[in-house]
Protein backbone atom coordinates (compact mmCIF):
# COMPACT_ATOMS: atom_id res chain seq x y z
CA MET A 1 3.45 -58.74 20.29
CA LYS A 2 0.49 -58.85 17.99
CA ASP A 3 -2.40 -55.89 18.28
CA ILE A 4 -5.41 -55.77 20.33
CA PRO A 5 -8.09 -56.35 17.96
CA TYR A 6 -9.74 -52.94 18.83
CA LEU A 7 -6.43 -51.25 17.43
CA SER A 8 -6.89 -52.35 13.89
CA PRO A 9 -7.29 -49.82 11.32
CA LYS A 10 -10.79 -47.65 11.45
CA THR A 11 -12.20 -45.07 8.88
CA HIS A 12 -13.83 -42.97 11.44
CA LYS A 13 -12.68 -39.18 10.75
CA THR A 14 -11.64 -38.57 14.44
CA THR A 15 -8.43 -39.79 15.44
CA PHE A 16 -6.15 -40.00 18.32
CA GLU A 17 -2.78 -39.23 17.33
CA ILE A 18 0.09 -40.56 19.83
CA ASN A 19 3.55 -39.32 19.48
CA LEU A 20 5.73 -42.21 20.48
CA LYS A 21 9.13 -40.08 20.22
CA ALA A 22 7.49 -37.55 22.71
CA PHE A 23 6.25 -40.59 24.85
CA LYS A 24 9.81 -41.85 24.95
CA GLU A 25 11.27 -38.17 26.02
CA ASN A 26 8.72 -37.93 28.85
CA LEU A 27 10.02 -41.59 29.99
CA ALA A 28 13.53 -40.38 29.84
CA PHE A 29 12.67 -36.99 32.03
CA TYR A 30 11.35 -39.04 34.96
CA ARG A 31 13.79 -41.76 34.68
CA ASN A 32 16.61 -38.88 34.96
CA LYS A 33 14.88 -37.64 38.24
CA LEU A 34 15.55 -41.23 39.67
CA LYS A 35 18.39 -42.72 41.75
CA PRO A 36 20.03 -45.46 39.62
CA GLU A 37 18.96 -48.19 42.19
CA THR A 38 15.07 -47.02 41.99
CA LYS A 39 13.16 -49.46 40.13
CA LEU A 40 10.51 -48.00 37.96
CA ILE A 41 6.89 -49.26 37.73
CA VAL A 42 4.56 -47.79 34.96
CA MET A 43 0.95 -47.65 34.90
CA VAL A 44 -0.82 -49.00 31.82
CA LYS A 45 -4.25 -48.95 33.31
CA ALA A 46 -7.50 -47.92 31.49
CA PHE A 47 -6.12 -48.75 28.04
CA ALA A 48 -2.92 -47.43 28.90
CA TYR A 49 -4.55 -44.03 29.66
CA GLY A 50 -6.52 -44.31 26.39
CA LEU A 51 -3.42 -44.42 24.35
CA GLY A 52 -3.51 -48.46 23.19
CA LEU A 53 -2.57 -50.93 25.76
CA SER A 54 -0.63 -53.19 23.33
CA LYS A 55 1.47 -50.52 21.75
CA ILE A 56 2.58 -48.88 24.84
CA ALA A 57 3.53 -51.93 26.68
CA GLU A 58 5.17 -53.00 23.58
CA VAL A 59 7.04 -49.65 23.37
CA LEU A 60 7.66 -49.77 27.47
CA ALA A 61 9.31 -53.36 26.92
CA ASP A 62 11.44 -51.97 24.21
CA GLU A 63 12.77 -49.35 26.83
CA GLY A 64 13.63 -51.95 29.43
CA ILE A 65 10.67 -50.97 31.77
CA GLU A 66 10.61 -54.33 34.11
CA TYR A 67 7.23 -53.84 35.72
CA LEU A 68 3.81 -52.57 34.50
CA ALA A 69 0.59 -52.21 36.43
CA VAL A 70 -2.82 -52.44 35.16
CA ALA A 71 -6.26 -52.18 37.22
CA TYR A 72 -8.22 -55.08 36.58
CA THR A 73 -7.09 -58.81 35.60
CA ASP A 74 -8.76 -58.55 32.21
CA GLU A 75 -6.32 -56.10 31.03
CA ALA A 76 -3.37 -58.21 32.02
CA VAL A 77 -4.65 -61.03 30.57
CA MET A 78 -5.25 -58.84 27.28
CA LEU A 79 -1.59 -58.15 27.52
CA ARG A 80 -0.54 -61.53 27.97
CA GLU A 81 -2.32 -62.95 24.84
CA ALA A 82 -1.01 -59.94 22.80
CA GLY A 83 2.34 -61.49 23.34
CA TYR A 84 3.60 -59.45 26.56
CA GLU A 85 5.84 -61.68 28.57
CA GLY A 86 7.20 -58.99 31.22
CA LYS A 87 6.17 -58.70 34.82
CA LEU A 88 2.56 -57.46 35.26
CA MET A 89 0.93 -56.28 38.68
CA VAL A 90 -2.92 -56.24 39.03
CA PHE A 91 -4.14 -53.50 41.41
CA ASN A 92 -7.85 -54.57 41.93
CA PRO A 93 -8.08 -58.28 41.58
CA GLU A 94 -11.27 -60.05 42.42
CA PRO A 95 -11.67 -63.70 43.54
CA ASP A 96 -13.41 -64.91 40.29
CA CYS A 97 -10.11 -63.88 38.39
CA PHE A 98 -7.74 -65.75 40.77
CA ASP A 99 -7.31 -68.87 38.35
CA ASN A 100 -6.36 -66.42 35.48
CA ILE A 101 -4.08 -64.46 37.70
CA ILE A 102 -2.30 -68.16 38.37
CA ARG A 103 -2.69 -69.33 34.95
CA TYR A 104 -1.17 -66.02 33.10
CA LYS A 105 1.65 -65.74 35.95
CA LEU A 106 0.30 -62.09 36.91
CA GLU A 107 1.31 -60.50 40.17
CA PRO A 108 -1.95 -59.31 42.19
CA GLU A 109 -2.31 -56.81 44.82
CA LEU A 110 -3.69 -58.07 47.87
CA TYR A 111 -5.62 -55.66 49.89
CA SER A 112 -7.65 -57.11 52.62
CA LEU A 113 -7.56 -60.17 54.91
CA PRO A 114 -10.46 -61.90 52.78
CA ILE A 115 -8.54 -61.34 49.75
CA ILE A 116 -5.41 -62.88 51.26
CA GLU A 117 -7.31 -65.87 52.57
CA GLU A 118 -9.18 -66.46 49.05
CA PHE A 119 -6.18 -65.92 47.15
CA LEU A 120 -4.26 -68.76 49.39
CA ASN A 121 -7.22 -71.07 48.84
CA THR A 122 -7.18 -70.67 45.24
CA ILE A 123 -3.55 -71.64 45.42
CA LYS A 124 -4.56 -74.61 47.41
CA LYS A 125 -6.83 -75.58 45.21
CA ASN A 126 -5.05 -75.19 42.23
CA ALA A 127 -3.08 -78.87 42.10
CA ALA A 128 -0.51 -77.93 39.12
CA TYR A 129 0.83 -74.92 40.98
CA GLN A 130 2.16 -77.34 43.76
CA LEU A 131 5.31 -77.80 41.70
CA LEU A 132 6.14 -73.88 41.18
CA GLU A 133 7.82 -71.46 43.27
CA PRO A 134 5.99 -69.12 46.10
CA PHE A 135 3.57 -67.02 44.24
CA PRO A 136 4.70 -63.30 44.07
CA VAL A 137 2.22 -61.02 45.74
CA HIS A 138 2.10 -57.33 46.49
CA LEU A 139 0.41 -55.92 49.93
CA LYS A 140 -1.20 -52.63 49.75
CA ILE A 141 -1.52 -50.47 53.17
CA ASP A 142 -3.78 -47.94 53.59
CA THR A 143 -2.03 -44.63 55.19
CA GLY A 144 -5.30 -42.45 54.82
CA MET A 145 -6.56 -42.35 51.65
CA ASN A 146 -9.19 -45.02 52.66
CA ARG A 147 -9.40 -46.61 49.55
CA LEU A 148 -8.19 -50.34 48.74
CA GLY A 149 -5.63 -51.38 51.61
CA LEU A 150 -4.84 -52.99 54.76
CA LYS A 151 -5.70 -51.18 57.97
CA PRO A 152 -2.51 -50.58 60.48
CA ASP A 153 -4.17 -53.03 63.01
CA GLU A 154 -4.52 -55.69 60.11
CA ILE A 155 -0.72 -55.76 59.04
CA GLU A 156 0.64 -58.25 61.77
CA VAL A 157 -2.54 -60.79 60.73
CA ALA A 158 -1.60 -60.41 57.03
CA ALA A 159 1.89 -60.92 57.73
CA ASN A 160 1.20 -63.83 59.84
CA LEU A 161 -1.53 -65.48 57.15
CA ILE A 162 1.20 -65.25 54.38
CA ALA A 163 4.28 -66.21 56.92
CA ASN A 164 2.35 -69.68 57.88
CA ASN A 165 2.26 -70.59 54.43
CA ASN A 166 5.04 -71.54 51.74
CA ARG A 167 2.78 -70.91 48.81
CA LEU A 168 3.09 -66.99 48.55
CA LYS A 169 6.01 -64.72 48.48
CA VAL A 170 5.38 -60.82 49.29
CA HIS A 171 7.59 -58.86 46.45
CA SER A 172 6.33 -55.56 47.47
CA ALA A 173 4.52 -53.44 49.99
CA PHE A 174 3.13 -50.44 48.92
CA SER A 175 0.52 -46.97 49.62
CA HIS A 176 -1.31 -44.38 47.57
CA LEU A 177 -0.43 -40.68 48.22
CA ALA A 178 -4.14 -38.92 48.40
CA ALA A 179 -2.87 -35.52 47.29
CA ALA A 180 1.09 -35.43 46.65
CA ASP A 181 0.32 -32.97 43.74
CA GLU A 182 -1.17 -30.12 45.83
CA GLY A 183 1.06 -28.18 48.55
CA GLU A 184 -1.40 -27.31 50.81
CA HIS A 185 -1.95 -31.01 51.77
CA ASP A 186 2.20 -31.43 52.19
CA ALA A 187 1.94 -31.80 56.00
CA PHE A 188 -0.77 -34.94 55.15
CA THR A 189 1.71 -36.54 52.31
CA LEU A 190 4.67 -36.53 54.75
CA GLN A 191 2.24 -38.05 57.58
CA GLN A 192 1.49 -40.70 54.85
CA PHE A 193 5.00 -41.64 53.92
CA ASN A 194 6.11 -41.79 57.62
CA ASP A 195 3.15 -43.99 58.50
CA PHE A 196 4.06 -46.10 55.41
CA LEU A 197 7.38 -46.81 56.38
CA LYS A 198 6.40 -47.53 60.10
CA HIS A 199 4.10 -49.80 58.66
CA ALA A 200 5.88 -51.21 56.05
CA ASN A 201 8.79 -52.31 58.26
CA LEU A 202 6.60 -54.05 60.50
CA LEU A 203 5.49 -56.22 57.68
CA GLU A 204 8.87 -57.05 57.02
CA THR A 205 9.60 -57.91 60.50
CA HIS A 206 6.65 -60.29 60.89
CA LEU A 207 7.34 -61.77 57.31
CA GLY A 208 11.04 -62.20 58.23
CA TYR A 209 12.53 -61.02 54.97
CA SER A 210 12.80 -57.82 53.51
CA LEU A 211 10.63 -56.38 50.41
CA ASP A 212 10.41 -53.53 47.94
CA LYS A 213 8.55 -50.64 49.31
CA HIS A 214 6.81 -47.85 46.71
CA ILE A 215 4.52 -44.96 47.65
CA SER A 216 5.51 -42.21 44.71
CA ASN A 217 3.28 -41.50 41.99
CA SER A 218 4.07 -39.04 39.25
CA ALA A 219 3.54 -36.28 41.67
CA ALA A 220 5.89 -37.41 44.13
CA ILE A 221 8.44 -38.38 41.72
CA GLU A 222 8.22 -34.58 40.81
CA ARG A 223 7.92 -32.77 44.32
CA PHE A 224 9.27 -35.50 46.88
CA PRO A 225 12.47 -36.95 45.58
CA ASN A 226 13.16 -38.58 49.28
CA PHE A 227 10.12 -40.70 48.78
CA GLN A 228 11.57 -42.83 45.82
CA LEU A 229 12.45 -45.96 48.33
CA ASP A 230 12.94 -49.14 46.27
CA ALA A 231 10.54 -48.18 43.56
CA VAL A 232 8.07 -45.84 42.50
CA ARG A 233 5.13 -45.91 39.74
CA LEU A 234 4.78 -43.34 36.99
CA GLY A 235 1.57 -42.65 35.60
CA ILE A 236 0.10 -39.37 34.18
CA GLY A 237 3.19 -37.40 33.66
CA LEU A 238 4.61 -40.16 31.21
CA TYR A 239 1.45 -39.32 29.00
CA GLY A 240 2.17 -35.64 28.95
CA TYR A 241 0.71 -33.84 31.98
CA SER A 242 1.96 -32.43 35.33
CA PRO A 243 -0.43 -29.89 37.36
CA GLN A 244 3.38 -28.43 38.12
CA VAL A 245 3.85 -25.42 35.79
CA GLU A 246 7.39 -25.88 35.42
CA ILE A 247 7.40 -29.73 34.79
CA GLN A 248 4.40 -29.10 32.37
CA LYS A 249 6.91 -26.71 30.43
CA GLN A 250 9.61 -29.68 30.10
CA LEU A 251 6.81 -32.40 29.03
CA LYS A 252 6.55 -33.20 25.33
CA THR A 253 2.72 -33.33 24.13
CA VAL A 254 1.94 -36.99 23.55
CA CYS A 255 -1.92 -36.79 22.73
CA THR A 256 -3.39 -35.28 20.14
CA LEU A 257 -7.30 -35.85 19.42
CA LYS A 258 -8.67 -34.30 16.31
CA SER A 259 -11.34 -34.82 13.60
CA ARG A 260 -12.33 -33.04 10.25
CA ILE A 261 -14.94 -30.87 9.11
CA ALA A 262 -17.61 -32.64 7.15
CA GLN A 263 -19.93 -29.74 5.77
CA ILE A 264 -19.99 -25.75 6.11
CA LYS A 265 -23.42 -24.01 5.92
CA GLU A 266 -24.77 -20.63 6.29
CA VAL A 267 -27.41 -20.34 9.09
CA LEU A 268 -29.70 -17.33 9.08
CA PRO A 269 -31.01 -14.99 11.89
CA GLY A 270 -33.87 -16.58 13.96
CA GLU A 271 -32.72 -20.34 12.80
CA THR A 272 -31.51 -22.58 15.38
CA VAL A 273 -28.93 -25.29 15.26
CA GLY A 274 -28.75 -28.97 16.87
CA TYR A 275 -31.06 -30.78 19.17
CA GLY A 276 -33.40 -28.65 21.31
CA ARG A 277 -32.86 -25.70 19.54
CA LYS A 278 -30.25 -24.77 21.82
CA GLY A 279 -28.11 -23.11 19.42
CA ILE A 280 -29.52 -19.43 19.05
CA VAL A 281 -28.33 -17.68 15.85
CA GLU A 282 -28.94 -13.85 16.09
CA SER A 283 -26.95 -12.99 12.91
CA GLN A 284 -26.12 -14.62 9.98
CA THR A 285 -23.57 -17.18 10.91
CA LYS A 286 -21.20 -19.63 9.27
CA ILE A 287 -21.17 -22.98 11.06
CA ALA A 288 -18.73 -26.09 10.65
CA LEU A 289 -20.02 -29.68 11.37
CA VAL A 290 -17.40 -31.66 12.54
CA PHE A 291 -16.96 -35.74 12.87
CA LEU A 292 -17.12 -35.74 16.48
CA GLY A 293 -19.50 -36.24 19.33
CA TYR A 294 -19.87 -37.62 22.85
CA ALA A 295 -19.62 -41.14 21.62
CA ASP A 296 -16.03 -40.28 20.63
CA GLY A 297 -15.07 -38.36 23.98
CA LEU A 298 -16.04 -35.07 23.63
CA PRO A 299 -18.13 -34.04 26.64
CA ARG A 300 -21.78 -33.28 26.11
CA SER A 301 -21.36 -30.63 28.83
CA LEU A 302 -19.37 -28.30 26.41
CA SER A 303 -22.46 -27.74 24.56
CA ASN A 304 -22.85 -24.05 23.62
CA LYS A 305 -19.88 -22.91 25.51
CA GLY A 306 -16.67 -25.06 24.49
CA LYS A 307 -14.08 -24.33 22.31
CA LEU A 308 -11.95 -26.27 19.53
CA TYR A 309 -8.74 -25.26 17.99
CA LEU A 310 -9.03 -24.51 14.03
CA ASN A 311 -6.68 -22.98 11.62
CA GLY A 312 -4.87 -20.63 14.25
CA LYS A 313 -8.08 -19.58 16.05
CA MET A 314 -10.60 -20.99 18.64
CA ALA A 315 -13.87 -22.05 17.48
CA LYS A 316 -17.11 -22.01 19.76
CA ILE A 317 -19.40 -24.74 19.91
CA ILE A 318 -22.75 -24.09 18.89
CA GLY A 319 -25.83 -26.09 20.06
CA ASN A 320 -25.53 -29.26 21.77
CA VAL A 321 -23.03 -31.64 21.10
CA CYS A 322 -24.48 -34.66 19.25
CA MET A 323 -23.49 -37.94 19.48
CA ASP A 324 -21.75 -37.93 16.63
CA ILE A 325 -21.18 -34.44 15.49
CA THR A 326 -20.70 -31.22 16.82
CA MET A 327 -21.31 -27.86 15.44
CA LEU A 328 -18.79 -24.68 15.60
CA ASP A 329 -19.23 -21.50 14.74
CA VAL A 330 -16.58 -20.37 11.97
CA THR A 331 -18.04 -17.16 11.02
CA HIS A 332 -14.51 -15.38 11.56
CA ILE A 333 -12.45 -18.35 10.72
CA ASN A 334 -11.38 -18.85 7.16
CA CYS A 335 -11.59 -23.05 6.56
CA LYS A 336 -13.10 -25.68 4.42
CA VAL A 337 -14.42 -29.18 4.42
CA GLY A 338 -11.73 -31.51 5.42
CA ASP A 339 -9.67 -29.12 7.21
CA TYR A 340 -8.61 -30.58 10.97
CA VAL A 341 -10.10 -29.35 14.15
CA GLU A 342 -8.24 -29.75 17.17
CA VAL A 343 -9.90 -31.22 20.67
CA PHE A 344 -6.60 -31.12 22.40
CA GLY A 345 -2.65 -31.28 21.47
CA GLU A 346 -0.22 -29.18 20.67
CA ASN A 347 -2.10 -26.21 20.10
CA LEU A 348 -4.85 -26.47 22.83
CA SER A 349 -2.91 -28.36 25.98
CA LEU A 350 -4.69 -31.40 27.72
CA GLY A 351 -4.63 -29.56 30.93
CA ARG A 352 -6.60 -26.43 29.36
CA PHE A 353 -8.82 -28.80 27.77
CA ALA A 354 -9.87 -30.60 31.08
CA ASP A 355 -10.14 -27.28 33.08
CA MET A 356 -12.55 -26.05 30.34
CA VAL A 357 -14.49 -29.09 30.57
CA GLY A 358 -14.04 -29.23 34.61
CA THR A 359 -12.71 -32.62 34.97
CA ILE A 360 -9.11 -34.09 35.33
CA PRO A 361 -6.88 -35.15 32.30
CA TYR A 362 -7.14 -38.76 33.40
CA GLU A 363 -11.20 -38.56 32.74
CA VAL A 364 -10.37 -37.11 29.33
CA LEU A 365 -7.99 -39.46 28.39
CA THR A 366 -9.87 -42.19 29.49
CA ASP A 367 -13.49 -41.00 27.96
CA ILE A 368 -12.07 -41.25 24.45
CA SER A 369 -14.15 -43.77 22.49
CA SER A 370 -12.77 -47.34 21.34
CA ARG A 371 -14.13 -46.31 17.67
CA VAL A 372 -11.57 -43.56 17.89
CA ARG A 373 -8.44 -44.52 15.38
CA ARG A 374 -5.43 -44.81 17.43
CA ILE A 375 -2.70 -43.54 14.95
CA TYR A 376 1.35 -43.49 16.25
CA VAL A 377 3.46 -41.34 14.65
């Protein structure tokens, strides 16, 4: 499978290293938690959580994963054009992309009555399609997250719309848990699960055939083994993060974001560092300028307070994070030009870094710029 163009080699000193051996070991870890009959759907939306869509899809295909899932049609088209031939679910399809869904043999999530009707109309208008088998689709049921999905009172109408046509075949019904990773909401999570089973069974009754059911995400795979049903959807856990302390200890570090020191200089008392003169120097200070900025994915909110890992110690950011350069106070750190600075990885975990930023690991990964070179090790 050919690489997507923006994965081609770059000379920018900031790199995002992806350890494919660790990635595969995390996949094996979650597979071992599943029953032999449980299918595994792997989430590769948002450029495979920032890791590189084409390469990650290639690895998963080699590992025998049957289904990949993306958020938008463009992501799936990109994979098809890169040579991926496996099954692809599209979770947020838009009507103006329906022709591409048919053309590239993608499997859309249908989440509302208007979307079902629009997709049926597109199928009817596509003359070439008439010779094919019923088109595979997936129905999403809203069980309380109040995001995309059919409300309970729409399920019967949706089923009848599809049953009265021979052009669609529902392959699965699914829902999304709102807080499977948070113990304080376990009662709500159990309610969601039970509601989903009730609604999915009603859907099967009206369709007149059985279909796969799935509701488990990474957290539910970890915490609710009885939720596995016919399939599960694995996301952030595969990429090396779990909020469950005991699980995190068993996961391998997949991602390392790092850069290099560009220059080291002495700053005298009374001088300032960076834009807005926000870095105040009260005593003689040694600073390291790093080829890394908010255009790479280092949040500007870390200005004057964040810390990065350098030669066994944590170096504090001094001054505002710039678009392309960040300054570190390295007065008490032995370092030289060219030394690596780790944003997160083996020494400063993704979870700890996300906590420092005040966000979640998903955002940290997906914010890493496309100009940052992905290196697979």
